[in-house]
Protein backbone atom coordinates (compact mmCIF):
# COMPACT_ATOMS: atom_id res chain seq x y z
CA MET A 1 17.89 -5.99 6.61
CA GLY A 2 14.24 -6.44 5.83
CA TYR A 3 12.73 -5.18 9.09
CA ASN A 4 9.96 -2.62 8.63
CA TYR A 5 10.39 -0.51 11.80
CA ASN A 6 7.69 2.11 12.44
CA GLY A 7 6.24 1.69 8.97
CA LYS A 8 9.33 3.03 7.21
CA LEU A 9 9.42 1.87 3.62
CA ARG A 10 12.29 -0.41 2.64
CA SER A 11 14.95 0.92 0.31
CA ALA A 12 16.20 -0.78 -2.80
CA GLU A 13 18.96 -3.36 -2.41
CA VAL A 14 21.79 -3.76 -4.88
CA LEU A 15 24.07 -6.78 -5.08
CA LEU A 16 27.72 -6.05 -5.83
CA LYS A 17 29.23 -8.99 -7.68
CA GLU A 18 32.88 -10.10 -7.61
CA ASP A 19 33.48 -8.81 -11.16
CA GLY A 20 32.38 -5.29 -10.12
CA SER A 21 28.96 -5.42 -11.76
CA THR A 22 25.76 -4.73 -9.86
CA GLU A 23 22.28 -6.20 -9.85
CA LEU A 24 19.10 -4.80 -8.34
CA ILE A 25 17.76 -7.54 -6.06
CA ARG A 26 14.90 -5.59 -4.45
CA ARG A 27 13.20 -2.43 -5.69
CA ALA A 28 12.37 0.35 -3.26
CA GLU A 29 8.94 0.09 -1.67
CA THR A 30 6.26 2.66 -2.45
CA PRO A 31 3.33 3.81 -0.30
CA ALA A 32 1.10 1.65 -2.50
CA ASP A 33 3.13 -1.41 -1.43
CA TYR A 34 2.64 -0.49 2.23
CA PHE A 35 -1.16 -0.55 1.93
CA ALA A 36 -1.45 -3.33 -0.66
CA THR A 37 -2.47 -6.01 1.85
CA LEU A 38 -5.20 -3.96 3.54
CA ASN A 39 -8.82 -4.42 2.54
CA PHE A 40 -10.99 -1.34 3.10
CA THR A 41 -14.15 -2.60 1.37
CA ASP A 42 -16.06 -3.39 4.60
CA PHE A 43 -15.07 -0.04 6.11
CA MET A 44 -16.16 1.79 2.98
CA LYS A 45 -19.56 0.03 2.90
CA LYS A 46 -20.28 0.73 6.59
CA ASN A 47 -19.07 4.33 6.75
CA LEU A 48 -19.44 5.92 3.35
CA PHE A 49 -22.48 4.39 1.67
């Protein structure tokens, strides 16, 4: 399930194939992934400089 409830990072997902082998289909998210879509440049210009 890909729902991001309360900001909890998603875990890795592994696909188990019929022959018993596995394949990583999604890596675990990191805190950097969580904030990757935010743009703080305007905030930084207004409040820090």
